[in-house]
Amino acid sequence: MKRRLLPVLLVLSASCAGAQEFSTTTMRRITMDEAFVLAATKSEELAGRKEGIAALEAGERYIRSAFFPRAGLAASQFRQERPDSSVQGSRAQAAVNAEVSLFSGMRDYIQAKAAGAAAEAAKLDLARARQSLYLSVTEAYLDLLSAQWDIEVRSEQMKISRERLEELSARAEIGRSRPSEVLAARSQLAQDEAQLQNALGAERVNQQIFKFITGESRDMTPAHVHLPAVPAVEGFLLEAEHRPDIAARRKDLEAAGFAAAAQRRLSWPSLDAGGNYYLKRPASLSNIHWDAELNLRLPLYTGGGNAALTDRAEAGRRAAEAALSLARRQAETEVRQAHETLVYSLAMANTLYKAVKLGRENAKAQMTDYKLGLVTNLDVLNAMNSLLQTRIQHYKAHVQAFRASIRLAAAAGGAAGEEP
């Protein structure tokens, strides 16, 4: 009997040694919002967008500076090698000068409004980028959660397979089970071991992806998520009209309209004023302490340059209109797709939940019937495998439904997480 049990014990010990111990007890437990805060803090993309907004705001301030007078100090020193009687050999001059644009066809004002609209569009794009980042964090979060759930299910299956092998080995010793049934149980245990190792490898890969996104070095375990309800799609479609990227495209269109208006006024006249107050002048001009001038400019012919600039600006405005139309259609499609996915994922998850309960009952019944000699060991193994696959499918449907709910919220312009 001992000789017959030795191969079984060797198989069991080899399986136990080959399977890596996995536990989430030492890992940091983290929620989705906590993960987003970490990711937003580390995100180079968000940081780059913020700097881009700062640059646009600085550009707007530069354009608005044209509304104010400009003042400066100018000084010059003149010398020549051989002075004659009519020209002084050395002349020095210093003056405070100022100039202001009195009228430029309102181009500076319109360009400032265009720059302001562009900066607002960039801020809205940043808000949408935060929502996209939250969606990416959600994907990584759920992938890691799904991998850890997979390990949990397969570890339980390994335990059941070991117990099954021990039971069959004991039955074979007293002649109540055939050697082929023990071999089938060994084969099942080896398959379970391989699938568990694959699940462990997938968890390690998803763990590294999650660490990269959050910038953390510790292993983490996501908090479990609960199935959402099915909301009406109409409310999300209305919300999507106001989501940040669509609002940003409206601002882009507004900015393009201002830019086109500014280019159309290139043919308008402009009027500038300037003056100098002299602190030091050559002797021949020493009695003149200040001067002032008005400059009127009216473009008469520019070789078609102004018309070309206007046409280019109008083309930019039409392109902005097309971009707004595309953004609105994409938003509606994303909302409807996510809503349909949520509806059917929830239906699948609920159905599979019932299937898991029935599968457990079937596996127990098959084991009982096997002991009574009513079914074969193959029937028991099939019932166990069917339960395993159903449980995995149920977890995947659970995660898919929650993923769809986040995508639906993001498609409508929500689900941005907490501010870092």
Protein backbone atom coordinates (compact mmCIF):
# COMPACT_ATOMS: atom_id res chain seq x y z
CA MET A 1 0.00 0.00 0.00
CA LYS A 2 2.83 2.40 0.86
CA ARG A 3 4.41 1.76 -2.53
CA ARG A 4 1.12 2.55 -4.25
CA LEU A 5 0.69 5.78 -2.29
CA LEU A 6 4.24 7.01 -2.96
CA PRO A 7 3.60 8.22 -6.55
CA VAL A 8 0.47 10.05 -5.40
CA LEU A 9 2.34 11.79 -2.57
CA LEU A 10 5.12 12.76 -4.95
CA VAL A 11 2.59 14.31 -7.34
CA LEU A 12 0.95 16.20 -4.50
CA SER A 13 4.24 17.50 -3.12
CA ALA A 14 5.44 18.53 -6.59
CA SER A 15 2.19 20.40 -7.20
CA CYS A 16 2.42 22.17 -3.87
CA ALA A 17 6.04 23.15 -4.53
CA GLY A 18 5.32 24.34 -8.08
CA ALA A 19 2.39 26.60 -7.15
CA GLN A 20 3.52 29.93 -5.88
CA GLU A 21 1.89 31.16 -2.70
CA PHE A 22 -0.27 34.17 -3.46
CA SER A 23 -1.85 36.46 -0.90
CA THR A 24 -3.20 40.01 -1.00
CA THR A 25 -2.98 40.47 2.79
CA THR A 26 0.41 42.19 2.58
CA MET A 27 -0.59 44.37 -0.38
CA ARG A 28 -1.82 47.93 -0.09
CA ARG A 29 -5.59 48.06 -0.46
CA ILE A 30 -6.58 50.93 -2.74
CA THR A 31 -9.79 52.42 -4.09
CA MET A 32 -10.28 53.69 -7.61
CA ASP A 33 -10.37 57.35 -6.57
CA GLU A 34 -7.17 56.94 -4.56
CA ALA A 35 -5.52 55.38 -7.59
CA PHE A 36 -6.62 58.30 -9.75
CA VAL A 37 -5.21 60.88 -7.33
CA LEU A 38 -1.85 59.09 -7.47
CA ALA A 39 -1.98 58.82 -11.27
CA ALA A 40 -2.96 62.47 -11.76
CA THR A 41 -0.06 63.56 -9.56
CA LYS A 42 2.38 61.53 -11.64
CA SER A 43 0.88 62.17 -15.09
CA GLU A 44 3.35 63.90 -17.40
CA GLU A 45 0.56 64.45 -19.93
CA LEU A 46 -1.53 66.50 -17.50
CA ALA A 47 1.57 68.45 -16.45
CA GLY A 48 2.36 69.21 -20.08
CA ARG A 49 -1.18 70.38 -20.75
CA LYS A 50 -1.07 72.68 -17.73
CA GLU A 51 2.12 74.27 -19.06
CA GLY A 52 0.44 74.67 -22.44
CA ILE A 53 -2.42 76.56 -20.77
CA ALA A 54 0.09 78.80 -19.01
CA ALA A 55 1.71 79.58 -22.36
CA LEU A 56 -1.66 80.44 -23.94
CA GLU A 57 -2.58 82.70 -21.04
CA ALA A 58 0.77 84.45 -21.35
CA GLY A 59 0.10 84.93 -25.08
CA GLU A 60 -3.27 86.49 -24.27
CA ARG A 61 -1.64 88.90 -21.82
CA TYR A 62 0.92 89.85 -24.48
CA ILE A 63 -1.84 90.69 -26.98
CA ARG A 64 -3.69 92.76 -24.38
CA SER A 65 -0.52 94.70 -23.64
CA ALA A 66 -1.06 96.45 -27.01
CA PHE A 67 -3.97 98.34 -25.40
CA PHE A 68 -1.56 100.23 -23.11
CA PRO A 69 1.04 102.91 -23.92
CA ARG A 70 4.67 101.92 -24.24
CA ALA A 71 7.47 104.03 -22.81
CA GLY A 72 11.24 103.78 -22.93
CA LEU A 73 14.50 105.60 -22.59
CA ALA A 74 16.71 106.13 -25.64
CA ALA A 75 20.23 107.58 -25.69
CA SER A 76 22.83 107.97 -28.44
CA GLN A 77 26.38 109.28 -28.83
CA PHE A 78 27.80 110.39 -32.18
CA ARG A 79 31.47 111.02 -33.05
CA GLN A 80 33.35 111.50 -36.29
CA GLU A 81 37.04 111.31 -37.08
CA ARG A 82 37.64 114.76 -38.66
CA PRO A 83 35.11 117.34 -37.66
CA ASP A 84 34.74 120.39 -39.92
CA SER A 85 33.31 123.76 -39.18
CA SER A 86 29.74 122.87 -40.22
CA VAL A 87 29.30 119.59 -38.37
CA GLN A 88 30.11 119.00 -34.78
CA GLY A 89 32.57 116.20 -34.13
CA SER A 90 30.57 114.87 -31.20
CA ARG A 91 26.86 114.88 -30.47
CA ALA A 92 24.94 113.29 -27.59
CA GLN A 93 21.19 112.86 -27.18
CA ALA A 94 18.93 111.24 -24.58
CA ALA A 95 15.13 111.18 -24.42
CA VAL A 96 12.14 109.49 -22.83
CA ASN A 97 9.79 108.31 -25.57
CA ALA A 98 6.22 106.99 -25.47
CA GLU A 99 3.81 105.62 -28.05
CA VAL A 100 0.26 104.31 -28.07
CA SER A 101 -1.99 102.73 -30.65
CA LEU A 102 -5.14 104.83 -30.95
CA PHE A 103 -6.97 102.73 -33.52
CA SER A 104 -6.13 99.53 -35.39
CA GLY A 105 -9.49 98.46 -36.71
CA MET A 106 -10.19 96.70 -33.35
CA ARG A 107 -7.82 93.94 -34.45
CA ASP A 108 -5.93 93.85 -31.15
CA TYR A 109 -9.17 93.61 -29.20
CA ILE A 110 -10.51 90.80 -31.39
CA GLN A 111 -7.20 88.92 -31.30
CA ALA A 112 -7.19 89.16 -27.50
CA LYS A 113 -10.68 87.62 -27.39
CA ALA A 114 -9.52 84.87 -29.74
CA ALA A 115 -6.53 84.15 -27.49
CA GLY A 116 -8.79 84.06 -24.45
CA ALA A 117 -11.11 81.57 -26.16
CA ALA A 118 -8.13 79.40 -27.10
CA ALA A 119 -6.95 79.38 -23.49
CA GLU A 120 -10.43 78.40 -22.30
CA ALA A 121 -10.50 75.59 -24.87
CA ALA A 122 -7.18 74.32 -23.55
CA LYS A 123 -8.55 74.31 -19.99
CA LEU A 124 -11.55 72.31 -21.13
CA ASP A 125 -9.28 69.89 -22.98
CA LEU A 126 -7.33 69.49 -19.75
CA ALA A 127 -10.56 68.61 -17.95
CA ARG A 128 -11.31 66.01 -20.63
CA ALA A 129 -7.76 64.68 -20.37
CA ARG A 130 -8.34 64.15 -16.64
CA GLN A 131 -11.47 62.17 -17.49
CA SER A 132 -9.52 60.10 -20.02
CA LEU A 133 -6.84 59.48 -17.42
CA TYR A 134 -9.50 58.35 -14.95
CA LEU A 135 -10.75 55.93 -17.59
CA SER A 136 -7.20 54.58 -18.09
CA VAL A 137 -6.78 54.18 -14.34
CA THR A 138 -10.11 52.34 -14.24
CA GLU A 139 -8.96 49.96 -16.98
CA ALA A 140 -5.72 49.15 -15.14
CA TYR A 141 -7.57 48.89 -11.81
CA LEU A 142 -10.14 46.44 -13.15
CA ASP A 143 -7.54 44.41 -15.06
CA LEU A 144 -5.61 43.92 -11.83
CA LEU A 145 -8.77 43.13 -9.87
CA SER A 146 -9.85 40.63 -12.52
CA ALA A 147 -6.43 38.94 -12.44
CA GLN A 148 -6.54 38.61 -8.65
CA TRP A 149 -10.07 37.24 -8.79
CA ASP A 150 -8.88 34.72 -11.38
CA ILE A 151 -6.12 33.59 -9.02
CA GLU A 152 -8.62 33.28 -6.18
CA VAL A 153 -10.93 31.05 -8.23
CA ARG A 154 -8.12 28.88 -9.60
CA SER A 155 -6.53 28.50 -6.16
CA GLU A 156 -9.83 27.21 -4.83
CA GLN A 157 -10.01 24.86 -7.79
CA MET A 158 -6.49 23.60 -6.99
CA LYS A 159 -7.58 22.85 -3.44
CA ILE A 160 -10.63 20.95 -4.66
CA SER A 161 -8.54 19.02 -7.20
CA ARG A 162 -6.02 18.00 -4.51
CA GLU A 163 -8.81 16.85 -2.23
CA ARG A 164 -10.33 14.96 -5.11
CA LEU A 165 -7.02 13.24 -5.88
CA GLU A 166 -6.53 12.29 -2.24
CA GLU A 167 -10.03 10.85 -2.08
CA LEU A 168 -9.61 8.85 -5.29
CA SER A 169 -6.21 7.57 -4.18
CA ALA A 170 -7.70 6.35 -0.93
CA ARG A 171 -10.59 4.71 -2.79
CA ALA A 172 -8.15 3.08 -5.24
CA GLU A 173 -6.25 1.53 -2.32
CA ILE A 174 -9.34 -0.36 -1.26
CA GLY A 175 -10.41 -1.14 -4.81
CA ARG A 176 -13.38 1.19 -4.99
CA SER A 177 -11.83 3.41 -7.71
CA ARG A 178 -9.95 2.45 -10.83
CA PRO A 179 -6.29 3.51 -11.42
CA SER A 180 -7.46 5.37 -14.54
CA GLU A 181 -9.60 7.60 -12.33
CA VAL A 182 -6.54 8.48 -10.23
CA LEU A 183 -4.62 9.28 -13.40
CA ALA A 184 -7.49 11.48 -14.62
CA ALA A 185 -7.42 13.35 -11.30
CA ARG A 186 -3.65 13.80 -11.60
CA SER A 187 -4.08 15.17 -15.10
CA GLN A 188 -6.75 17.56 -13.86
CA LEU A 189 -4.50 18.75 -11.05
CA ALA A 190 -1.64 19.37 -13.50
CA GLN A 191 -3.96 21.39 -15.77
CA ASP A 192 -5.18 23.41 -12.80
CA GLU A 193 -1.56 24.06 -11.82
CA ALA A 194 -0.72 25.33 -15.32
CA GLN A 195 -3.77 27.60 -15.39
CA LEU A 196 -2.91 28.97 -11.95
CA GLN A 197 0.65 29.73 -13.04
CA ASN A 198 -0.73 31.56 -16.08
CA ALA A 199 -3.04 33.58 -13.83
CA LEU A 200 -0.14 34.43 -11.50
CA GLY A 201 1.89 35.68 -14.46
CA ALA A 202 -1.01 37.82 -15.69
CA GLU A 203 -1.38 39.33 -12.21
CA ARG A 204 2.31 40.28 -12.17
CA VAL A 205 2.03 42.00 -15.55
CA ASN A 206 -1.10 43.93 -14.53
CA GLN A 207 0.51 44.81 -11.21
CA GLN A 208 3.43 46.43 -13.03
CA ILE A 209 1.09 48.37 -15.32
CA PHE A 210 -0.86 49.62 -12.31
CA LYS A 211 2.35 50.63 -10.54
CA PHE A 212 3.47 52.59 -13.58
CA ILE A 213 0.18 54.50 -13.78
CA THR A 214 0.04 55.31 -10.06
CA GLY A 215 3.78 55.74 -9.50
CA GLU A 216 3.68 53.41 -6.49
CA SER A 217 6.33 50.79 -5.72
CA ARG A 218 4.31 48.51 -3.42
CA ASP A 219 2.06 45.74 -4.67
CA MET A 220 -1.59 46.78 -4.48
CA THR A 221 -4.92 45.05 -4.31
CA PRO A 222 -8.00 46.89 -5.60
CA ALA A 223 -11.11 47.13 -3.48
CA HIS A 224 -13.99 45.05 -4.81
CA VAL A 225 -16.53 46.79 -7.02
CA HIS A 226 -20.29 46.35 -6.99
CA LEU A 227 -22.62 45.95 -9.92
CA PRO A 228 -24.30 49.21 -10.91
CA ALA A 229 -27.90 49.74 -11.88
CA VAL A 230 -29.01 50.36 -15.47
CA PRO A 231 -29.75 54.08 -15.92
CA ALA A 232 -31.74 55.63 -18.77
CA VAL A 233 -29.59 56.63 -21.73
CA GLU A 234 -31.42 59.92 -22.39
CA GLY A 235 -29.94 61.69 -19.38
CA PHE A 236 -26.42 60.74 -20.43
CA LEU A 237 -27.03 62.00 -23.97
CA LEU A 238 -28.08 65.38 -22.58
CA GLU A 239 -25.02 65.51 -20.31
CA ALA A 240 -22.73 64.64 -23.20
CA GLU A 241 -23.67 67.91 -24.94
CA HIS A 242 -21.81 69.73 -22.16
CA ARG A 243 -18.82 67.45 -21.77
CA PRO A 244 -15.45 69.27 -21.72
CA ASP A 245 -14.12 68.29 -25.13
CA ILE A 246 -17.32 69.44 -26.87
CA ALA A 247 -17.23 72.69 -24.91
CA ALA A 248 -13.58 73.02 -25.93
CA ARG A 249 -14.49 72.63 -29.61
CA ARG A 250 -17.11 75.36 -29.18
CA LYS A 251 -14.39 77.60 -27.76
CA ASP A 252 -12.13 76.66 -30.69
CA LEU A 253 -14.91 77.72 -33.07
CA GLU A 254 -15.34 80.97 -31.15
CA ALA A 255 -11.60 81.63 -31.32
CA ALA A 256 -11.54 80.83 -35.05
CA GLY A 257 -14.43 83.25 -35.60
CA PHE A 258 -12.54 86.01 -33.79
CA ALA A 259 -9.40 85.26 -35.79
CA ALA A 260 -11.33 85.48 -39.07
CA ALA A 261 -12.90 88.78 -37.98
CA ALA A 262 -9.45 90.18 -37.14
CA GLN A 263 -8.07 89.19 -40.55
CA ARG A 264 -11.01 90.82 -42.34
CA ARG A 265 -10.02 94.14 -40.73
CA LEU A 266 -6.51 94.14 -42.14
CA SER A 267 -7.68 96.66 -44.75
CA TRP A 268 -8.91 99.08 -42.09
CA PRO A 269 -6.81 102.16 -41.29
CA SER A 270 -4.67 102.37 -38.15
CA LEU A 271 -3.66 105.40 -36.13
CA ASP A 272 -0.72 105.59 -33.72
CA ALA A 273 0.59 108.44 -31.56
CA GLY A 274 4.07 108.91 -30.16
CA GLY A 275 6.25 111.51 -28.54
CA ASN A 276 9.67 112.23 -27.05
CA TYR A 277 10.81 114.31 -24.15
CA TYR A 278 14.52 115.12 -24.46
CA LEU A 279 16.83 115.02 -21.48
CA LYS A 280 19.89 115.97 -23.54
CA ARG A 281 20.25 117.26 -27.11
CA PRO A 282 22.94 118.64 -29.38
CA ALA A 283 23.63 122.33 -28.94
CA SER A 284 21.83 123.28 -32.15
CA LEU A 285 18.60 121.69 -30.85
CA SER A 286 18.99 122.45 -27.16
CA ASN A 287 15.97 124.77 -27.13
CA ILE A 288 13.60 122.01 -28.33
CA HIS A 289 12.58 119.86 -25.37
CA TRP A 290 9.83 117.65 -26.83
CA ASP A 291 8.10 116.57 -30.02
CA ALA A 292 5.03 114.48 -30.92
CA GLU A 293 3.63 112.80 -34.01
CA LEU A 294 0.53 111.05 -35.35
CA ASN A 295 0.88 108.21 -37.87
CA LEU A 296 -2.08 107.22 -40.06
CA ARG A 297 -1.74 104.10 -42.20
CA LEU A 298 -4.23 102.92 -44.78
CA PRO A 299 -3.39 99.77 -46.79
CA LEU A 300 -4.16 100.35 -50.46
CA TYR A 301 -2.60 97.31 -52.11
CA THR A 302 -0.87 94.29 -50.55
CA GLY A 303 -0.54 92.01 -53.56
CA GLY A 304 -3.42 89.87 -52.35
CA GLY A 305 -1.68 89.13 -49.05
CA ASN A 306 -4.53 90.37 -46.85
CA ALA A 307 -7.11 88.44 -48.89
CA ALA A 308 -5.04 85.27 -48.55
CA LEU A 309 -4.80 85.69 -44.77
CA THR A 310 -8.57 86.23 -44.57
CA ASP A 311 -9.26 83.12 -46.65
CA ARG A 312 -6.95 81.07 -44.44
CA ALA A 313 -8.74 82.29 -41.31
CA GLU A 314 -12.14 81.46 -42.81
CA ALA A 315 -10.91 77.96 -43.65
CA GLY A 316 -9.80 77.57 -40.03
CA ARG A 317 -13.25 78.61 -38.86
CA ARG A 318 -14.95 76.05 -41.12
CA ALA A 319 -12.54 73.36 -39.89
CA ALA A 320 -13.48 74.27 -36.30
CA GLU A 321 -17.15 73.83 -37.20
CA ALA A 322 -16.43 70.36 -38.60
CA ALA A 323 -14.42 69.43 -35.49
CA LEU A 324 -17.34 70.47 -33.26
CA SER A 325 -19.78 68.40 -35.32
CA LEU A 326 -17.45 65.37 -35.15
CA ALA A 327 -17.00 65.70 -31.38
CA ARG A 328 -20.76 65.79 -30.84
CA ARG A 329 -21.40 62.73 -33.01
CA GLN A 330 -18.56 60.82 -31.34
CA ALA A 331 -19.91 61.67 -27.89
CA GLU A 332 -23.38 60.37 -28.79
CA THR A 333 -21.93 57.16 -30.23
CA GLU A 334 -19.72 56.59 -27.17
CA VAL A 335 -22.68 57.07 -24.83
CA ARG A 336 -24.90 54.67 -26.75
CA GLN A 337 -22.16 52.03 -27.06
CA ALA A 338 -21.29 52.17 -23.37
CA HIS A 339 -24.96 52.02 -22.40
CA GLU A 340 -25.60 48.97 -24.60
CA THR A 341 -22.51 47.27 -23.19
CA LEU A 342 -23.68 47.99 -19.65
CA VAL A 343 -27.17 46.63 -20.28
CA TYR A 344 -25.98 43.33 -21.74
CA SER A 345 -23.06 42.93 -19.32
CA LEU A 346 -25.41 43.28 -16.37
CA ALA A 347 -27.81 40.78 -17.91
CA MET A 348 -24.94 38.35 -18.47
CA ALA A 349 -23.56 38.85 -14.96
CA ASN A 350 -26.96 38.20 -13.37
CA THR A 351 -27.52 35.11 -15.50
CA LEU A 352 -24.06 33.74 -14.76
CA TYR A 353 -24.61 34.33 -11.03
CA LYS A 354 -27.54 31.92 -11.23
CA ALA A 355 -25.43 29.53 -13.30
CA VAL A 356 -22.71 29.53 -10.62
CA LYS A 357 -25.23 28.57 -7.94
CA LEU A 358 -26.58 25.77 -10.10
CA GLY A 359 -23.06 24.67 -10.99
CA ARG A 360 -22.12 24.32 -7.32
CA GLU A 361 -25.21 22.27 -6.65
CA ASN A 362 -24.46 20.10 -9.70
CA ALA A 363 -20.83 19.50 -8.64
CA LYS A 364 -21.94 18.45 -5.14
CA ALA A 365 -24.62 16.19 -6.58
CA GLN A 366 -22.14 14.59 -8.98
CA MET A 367 -19.73 13.83 -6.12
CA THR A 368 -22.53 12.30 -4.09
CA ASP A 369 -23.70 10.22 -7.04
CA TYR A 370 -20.13 9.08 -7.69
CA LYS A 371 -19.85 7.72 -4.17
CA LEU A 372 -23.06 5.82 -4.82
CA GLY A 373 -21.70 4.51 -8.10
CA LEU A 374 -24.32 6.31 -10.19
CA VAL A 375 -21.89 8.41 -12.27
CA THR A 376 -18.27 8.13 -13.37
CA ASN A 377 -15.30 10.18 -12.24
CA LEU A 378 -15.30 11.86 -15.65
CA ASP A 379 -18.77 13.22 -14.89
CA VAL A 380 -17.44 14.68 -11.63
CA LEU A 381 -14.43 16.28 -13.37
CA ASN A 382 -16.66 17.75 -16.06
CA ALA A 383 -18.94 19.24 -13.41
CA MET A 384 -15.95 20.74 -11.57
CA ASN A 385 -14.50 22.24 -14.78
CA SER A 386 -17.88 23.59 -15.79
CA LEU A 387 -18.23 25.30 -12.40
CA LEU A 388 -14.73 26.76 -12.69
CA GLN A 389 -15.35 28.22 -16.14
CA THR A 390 -18.74 29.59 -15.09
CA ARG A 391 -17.24 31.32 -12.06
CA ILE A 392 -14.51 32.90 -14.19
CA GLN A 393 -17.07 34.05 -16.77
CA HIS A 394 -19.21 35.51 -13.98
CA TYR A 395 -16.30 37.51 -12.58
CA LYS A 396 -15.41 38.76 -16.05
CA ALA A 397 -19.00 39.81 -16.70
CA HIS A 398 -19.05 41.55 -13.30
CA VAL A 399 -15.91 43.51 -14.17
CA GLN A 400 -17.17 44.21 -17.69
CA ALA A 401 -20.41 45.67 -16.34
CA PHE A 402 -18.58 47.94 -13.92
CA ARG A 403 -16.14 48.93 -16.68
CA ALA A 404 -19.09 49.82 -18.93
CA SER A 405 -20.64 51.97 -16.18
CA ILE A 406 -17.42 54.00 -15.88
CA ARG A 407 -17.17 54.33 -19.65
CA LEU A 408 -20.76 55.51 -19.78
CA ALA A 409 -20.10 58.17 -17.16
CA ALA A 410 -16.92 59.24 -18.97
CA ALA A 411 -18.71 59.35 -22.33
CA ALA A 412 -21.25 61.74 -20.77
CA GLY A 413 -18.46 63.94 -19.40
CA GLY A 414 -18.36 62.67 -15.83
CA ALA A 415 -16.21 60.17 -13.89
CA ALA A 416 -13.25 62.48 -13.42
CA GLY A 417 -12.31 61.26 -9.95
CA GLU A 418 -11.06 63.49 -7.17
CA GLU A 419 -8.77 66.46 -7.74
CA PRO A 420 -5.16 65.62 -6.79
